[in-house]
Amino acid sequence: ARLRAQELLQRAQEGEDFAVLAREYSADPATGQIGGDLGWFSRGAMTKPFEEAAFALESSGDLSPVVETEFGFHIILLEERRASDRIPFEAVKNQLVHDLQKEYIAEKTKAWRTKITDHQAANSNPEAIEAAYQKARQVHLGALGEAAAP
């Protein structure tokens, strides 16, 4: 199988159409029939040896050496590269932390407001109310120039 793969690699390097070779010789029933096209994939989607070989290719049209994986022997043709649409965690970490902090504070503030405005759970303190009333009365009467009566 390795010798067959080496021979096919040489033929592709000499200019034979990769897709035609894949349709004729690929043992993969899914991709062989479509010329070996795997579509777009990102790191972590393929087995390690295959991934390393694929991401080592630099330019459109580059062919990998024969790659051995647990699935057999492979030749990879790089058709195109595109930038990943994934943003690295480190690039968004600070924003995520900030957003989570804001969300946490908003939730705690809402719970606190609900607690302090819950009239069903409110308890009155008659002594504090009376003391506040007397103080306000004294201030009010003092401002009017009248003597404060107890």
C-alpha atoms as a PDB file:
ATOM      1  CA  ALA A   1       0.000   0.000   0.000  1.00  0.00           C
ATOM      2  CA  ARG A   2       2.860   2.359   0.798  1.00  0.00           C
ATOM      3  CA  LEU A   3       4.510   1.657  -2.572  1.00  0.00           C
ATOM      4  CA  ARG A   4       1.190   2.288  -4.373  1.00  0.00           C
ATOM      5  CA  ALA A   5       0.804   5.587  -2.481  1.00  0.00           C
ATOM      6  CA  GLN A   6       4.384   6.600  -3.402  1.00  0.00           C
ATOM      7  CA  GLU A   7       3.656   5.837  -7.046  1.00  0.00           C
ATOM      8  CA  LEU A   8       0.441   7.895  -6.974  1.00  0.00           C
ATOM      9  CA  LEU A   9       2.257  10.783  -5.279  1.00  0.00           C
ATOM     10  CA  GLN A  10       4.856  10.756  -8.052  1.00  0.00           C
ATOM     11  CA  ARG A  11       2.129  10.759 -10.710  1.00  0.00           C
ATOM     12  CA  ALA A  12       0.410  13.706  -9.033  1.00  0.00           C
ATOM     13  CA  GLN A  13       3.739  15.551  -8.782  1.00  0.00           C
ATOM     14  CA  GLU A  14       4.233  14.970 -12.502  1.00  0.00           C
ATOM     15  CA  GLY A  15       0.951  16.719 -13.225  1.00  0.00           C
ATOM     16  CA  GLU A  16      -1.750  14.058 -13.290  1.00  0.00           C
ATOM     17  CA  ASP A  17      -5.075  15.282 -11.946  1.00  0.00           C
ATOM     18  CA  PHE A  18      -5.289  14.604  -8.199  1.00  0.00           C
ATOM     19  CA  ALA A  19      -9.087  14.225  -8.212  1.00  0.00           C
ATOM     20  CA  VAL A  20      -8.966  11.686 -11.059  1.00  0.00           C
ATOM     21  CA  LEU A  21      -6.303   9.668  -9.209  1.00  0.00           C
ATOM     22  CA  ALA A  22      -8.340   9.810  -5.987  1.00  0.00           C
ATOM     23  CA  ARG A  23     -11.520   8.627  -7.715  1.00  0.00           C
ATOM     24  CA  GLU A  24      -9.665   5.718  -9.286  1.00  0.00           C
ATOM     25  CA  TYR A  25      -7.397   4.598  -6.438  1.00  0.00           C
ATOM     26  CA  SER A  26      -8.778   5.859  -3.109  1.00  0.00           C
ATOM     27  CA  ALA A  27     -10.001   3.163  -0.723  1.00  0.00           C
ATOM     28  CA  ASP A  28     -12.175   5.706   1.102  1.00  0.00           C
ATOM     29  CA  PRO A  29     -15.729   5.183  -0.181  1.00  0.00           C
ATOM     30  CA  ALA A  30     -16.902   8.592   1.040  1.00  0.00           C
ATOM     31  CA  THR A  31     -14.201  10.904  -0.315  1.00  0.00           C
ATOM     32  CA  GLY A  32     -12.754   8.771  -3.085  1.00  0.00           C
ATOM     33  CA  GLN A  33     -15.844   9.167  -5.236  1.00  0.00           C
ATOM     34  CA  ILE A  34     -15.628  12.964  -4.956  1.00  0.00           C
ATOM     35  CA  GLY A  35     -11.977  13.218  -5.882  1.00  0.00           C
ATOM     36  CA  GLY A  36     -10.621  13.034  -2.347  1.00  0.00           C
ATOM     37  CA  ASP A  37     -12.167  16.346  -1.306  1.00  0.00           C
ATOM     38  CA  LEU A  38     -12.368  16.589   2.491  1.00  0.00           C
ATOM     39  CA  GLY A  39     -13.812  20.093   2.554  1.00  0.00           C
ATOM     40  CA  TRP A  40     -12.686  22.654   5.099  1.00  0.00           C
ATOM     41  CA  PHE A  41     -11.332  21.425   8.401  1.00  0.00           C
ATOM     42  CA  SER A  42      -9.532  23.009  11.305  1.00  0.00           C
ATOM     43  CA  ARG A  43      -6.950  21.788  13.776  1.00  0.00           C
ATOM     44  CA  GLY A  44      -8.223  18.996  15.973  1.00  0.00           C
ATOM     45  CA  ALA A  45     -10.572  17.562  13.350  1.00  0.00           C
ATOM     46  CA  MET A  46      -8.213  14.943  11.887  1.00  0.00           C
ATOM     47  CA  THR A  47      -5.818  12.367  13.287  1.00  0.00           C
ATOM     48  CA  LYS A  48      -2.531  13.865  14.439  1.00  0.00           C
ATOM     49  CA  PRO A  49      -0.205  12.658  11.634  1.00  0.00           C
ATOM     50  CA  PHE A  50      -2.709  13.732   8.979  1.00  0.00           C
ATOM     51  CA  GLU A  51      -3.275  17.116  10.637  1.00  0.00           C
ATOM     52  CA  GLU A  52       0.453  17.786  11.001  1.00  0.00           C
ATOM     53  CA  ALA A  53       1.060  17.018   7.334  1.00  0.00           C
ATOM     54  CA  ALA A  54      -1.929  19.063   6.148  1.00  0.00           C
ATOM     55  CA  PHE A  55      -1.032  22.142   8.184  1.00  0.00           C
ATOM     56  CA  ALA A  56       2.622  21.918   7.139  1.00  0.00           C
ATOM     57  CA  LEU A  57       1.599  22.595   3.530  1.00  0.00           C
ATOM     58  CA  GLU A  58       2.027  26.250   2.672  1.00  0.00           C
ATOM     59  CA  SER A  59       0.726  27.073  -0.786  1.00  0.00           C
ATOM     60  CA  SER A  60      -2.213  26.132  -2.938  1.00  0.00           C
ATOM     61  CA  GLY A  61      -1.259  23.110  -5.030  1.00  0.00           C
ATOM     62  CA  ASP A  62       1.313  21.741  -2.547  1.00  0.00           C
ATOM     63  CA  LEU A  63       1.324  17.962  -2.096  1.00  0.00           C
ATOM     64  CA  SER A  64       2.266  16.240   1.128  1.00  0.00           C
ATOM     65  CA  PRO A  65       4.595  13.281   1.296  1.00  0.00           C
ATOM     66  CA  VAL A  66       2.828   9.968   1.899  1.00  0.00           C
ATOM     67  CA  VAL A  67       1.249  10.125   5.359  1.00  0.00           C
ATOM     68  CA  GLU A  68       0.519   7.001   7.384  1.00  0.00           C
ATOM     69  CA  THR A  69      -2.351   6.975   9.891  1.00  0.00           C
ATOM     70  CA  GLU A  70      -4.392   4.239  11.530  1.00  0.00           C
ATOM     71  CA  PHE A  71      -6.696   4.498   8.483  1.00  0.00           C
ATOM     72  CA  GLY A  72      -3.993   3.818   5.898  1.00  0.00           C
ATOM     73  CA  PHE A  73      -1.771   5.870   3.617  1.00  0.00           C
ATOM     74  CA  HIS A  74      -2.716   9.346   2.429  1.00  0.00           C
ATOM     75  CA  ILE A  75      -1.552  12.029   0.044  1.00  0.00           C
ATOM     76  CA  ILE A  76      -2.818  15.523   0.794  1.00  0.00           C
ATOM     77  CA  LEU A  77      -3.293  18.252  -1.790  1.00  0.00           C
ATOM     78  CA  LEU A  78      -3.689  21.738  -0.358  1.00  0.00           C
ATOM     79  CA  GLU A  79      -6.250  23.552  -2.448  1.00  0.00           C
ATOM     80  CA  GLU A  80      -6.725  26.663  -0.351  1.00  0.00           C
ATOM     81  CA  ARG A  81      -6.192  28.095   3.114  1.00  0.00           C
ATOM     82  CA  ARG A  82      -8.432  30.480   4.918  1.00  0.00           C
ATOM     83  CA  ALA A  83      -8.154  32.173   8.264  1.00  0.00           C
ATOM     84  CA  SER A  84      -9.793  30.418  11.146  1.00  0.00           C
ATOM     85  CA  ASP A  85     -13.101  31.888  12.224  1.00  0.00           C
ATOM     86  CA  ARG A  86     -12.323  30.916  15.796  1.00  0.00           C
ATOM     87  CA  ILE A  87     -10.969  33.555  18.127  1.00  0.00           C
ATOM     88  CA  PRO A  88      -8.313  32.336  20.562  1.00  0.00           C
ATOM     89  CA  PHE A  89      -9.471  32.283  24.186  1.00  0.00           C
ATOM     90  CA  GLU A  90      -6.636  34.557  25.319  1.00  0.00           C
ATOM     91  CA  ALA A  91      -7.860  37.228  22.893  1.00  0.00           C
ATOM     92  CA  VAL A  92     -11.335  37.342  24.478  1.00  0.00           C
ATOM     93  CA  LYS A  93     -10.565  36.282  28.057  1.00  0.00           C
ATOM     94  CA  ASN A  94     -10.593  39.799  29.573  1.00  0.00           C
ATOM     95  CA  GLN A  95     -13.850  40.722  27.843  1.00  0.00           C
ATOM     96  CA  LEU A  96     -15.499  37.483  29.006  1.00  0.00           C
ATOM     97  CA  VAL A  97     -14.403  38.084  32.605  1.00  0.00           C
ATOM     98  CA  HIS A  98     -15.670  41.666  32.421  1.00  0.00           C
ATOM     99  CA  ASP A  99     -19.038  40.568  30.998  1.00  0.00           C
ATOM    100  CA  LEU A 100     -19.466  37.861  33.633  1.00  0.00           C
ATOM    101  CA  GLN A 101     -18.615  40.325  36.410  1.00  0.00           C
ATOM    102  CA  LYS A 102     -21.208  42.796  35.107  1.00  0.00           C
ATOM    103  CA  GLU A 103     -23.802  40.033  34.899  1.00  0.00           C
ATOM    104  CA  TYR A 104     -23.023  38.871  38.444  1.00  0.00           C
ATOM    105  CA  ILE A 105     -23.271  42.413  39.831  1.00  0.00           C
ATOM    106  CA  ALA A 106     -26.555  43.015  38.003  1.00  0.00           C
ATOM    107  CA  GLU A 107     -28.049  39.795  39.398  1.00  0.00           C
ATOM    108  CA  LYS A 108     -26.922  40.564  42.960  1.00  0.00           C
ATOM    109  CA  THR A 109     -28.187  44.163  42.700  1.00  0.00           C
ATOM    110  CA  LYS A 110     -31.576  42.974  41.467  1.00  0.00           C
ATOM    111  CA  ALA A 111     -31.834  40.463  44.327  1.00  0.00           C
ATOM    112  CA  TRP A 112     -30.854  43.152  46.859  1.00  0.00           C
ATOM    113  CA  ARG A 113     -33.386  45.643  45.463  1.00  0.00           C
ATOM    114  CA  THR A 114     -36.104  43.006  45.578  1.00  0.00           C
ATOM    115  CA  LYS A 115     -35.231  42.235  49.183  1.00  0.00           C
ATOM    116  CA  ILE A 116     -35.237  45.831  50.399  1.00  0.00           C
ATOM    117  CA  THR A 117     -38.434  46.754  48.570  1.00  0.00           C
ATOM    118  CA  ASP A 118     -40.407  43.645  49.550  1.00  0.00           C
ATOM    119  CA  HIS A 119     -43.181  45.200  51.634  1.00  0.00           C
ATOM    120  CA  GLN A 120     -44.543  41.806  52.644  1.00  0.00           C
ATOM    121  CA  ALA A 121     -41.330  40.988  54.481  1.00  0.00           C
ATOM    122  CA  ALA A 122     -40.810  44.453  55.973  1.00  0.00           C
ATOM    123  CA  ASN A 123     -40.821  44.830  59.739  1.00  0.00           C
ATOM    124  CA  SER A 124     -41.476  48.120  61.460  1.00  0.00           C
ATOM    125  CA  ASN A 125     -39.456  49.462  64.379  1.00  0.00           C
ATOM    126  CA  PRO A 126     -41.815  51.699  66.384  1.00  0.00           C
ATOM    127  CA  GLU A 127     -39.024  53.112  68.564  1.00  0.00           C
ATOM    128  CA  ALA A 128     -36.944  54.182  65.565  1.00  0.00           C
ATOM    129  CA  ILE A 129     -40.002  55.683  63.870  1.00  0.00           C
ATOM    130  CA  GLU A 130     -40.910  57.677  66.999  1.00  0.00           C
ATOM    131  CA  ALA A 131     -37.328  58.918  67.442  1.00  0.00           C
ATOM    132  CA  ALA A 132     -37.150  60.025  63.795  1.00  0.00           C
ATOM    133  CA  TYR A 133     -40.507  61.758  64.121  1.00  0.00           C
ATOM    134  CA  GLN A 134     -39.435  63.636  67.261  1.00  0.00           C
ATOM    135  CA  LYS A 135     -36.157  64.738  65.683  1.00  0.00           C
ATOM    136  CA  ALA A 136     -37.903  65.947  62.526  1.00  0.00           C
ATOM    137  CA  ARG A 137     -40.514  67.774  64.632  1.00  0.00           C
ATOM    138  CA  GLN A 138     -37.824  69.525  66.634  1.00  0.00           C
ATOM    139  CA  VAL A 139     -35.939  70.564  63.516  1.00  0.00           C
ATOM    140  CA  HIS A 140     -39.146  71.777  61.882  1.00  0.00           C
ATOM    141  CA  LEU A 141     -40.341  73.722  64.909  1.00  0.00           C
ATOM    142  CA  GLY A 142     -36.841  75.138  65.460  1.00  0.00           C
ATOM    143  CA  ALA A 143     -36.815  76.390  61.886  1.00  0.00           C
ATOM    144  CA  LEU A 144     -40.127  78.170  62.495  1.00  0.00           C
ATOM    145  CA  GLY A 145     -38.784  79.838  65.653  1.00  0.00           C
ATOM    146  CA  GLU A 146     -41.185  77.978  67.895  1.00  0.00           C
ATOM    147  CA  ALA A 147     -40.313  76.014  70.972  1.00  0.00           C
ATOM    148  CA  ALA A 148     -40.379  72.315  70.529  1.00  0.00           C
ATOM    149  CA  ALA A 149     -42.969  70.622  72.666  1.00  0.00           C
ATOM    150  CA  PRO A 150     -42.384  67.088  73.795  1.00  0.00           C
END
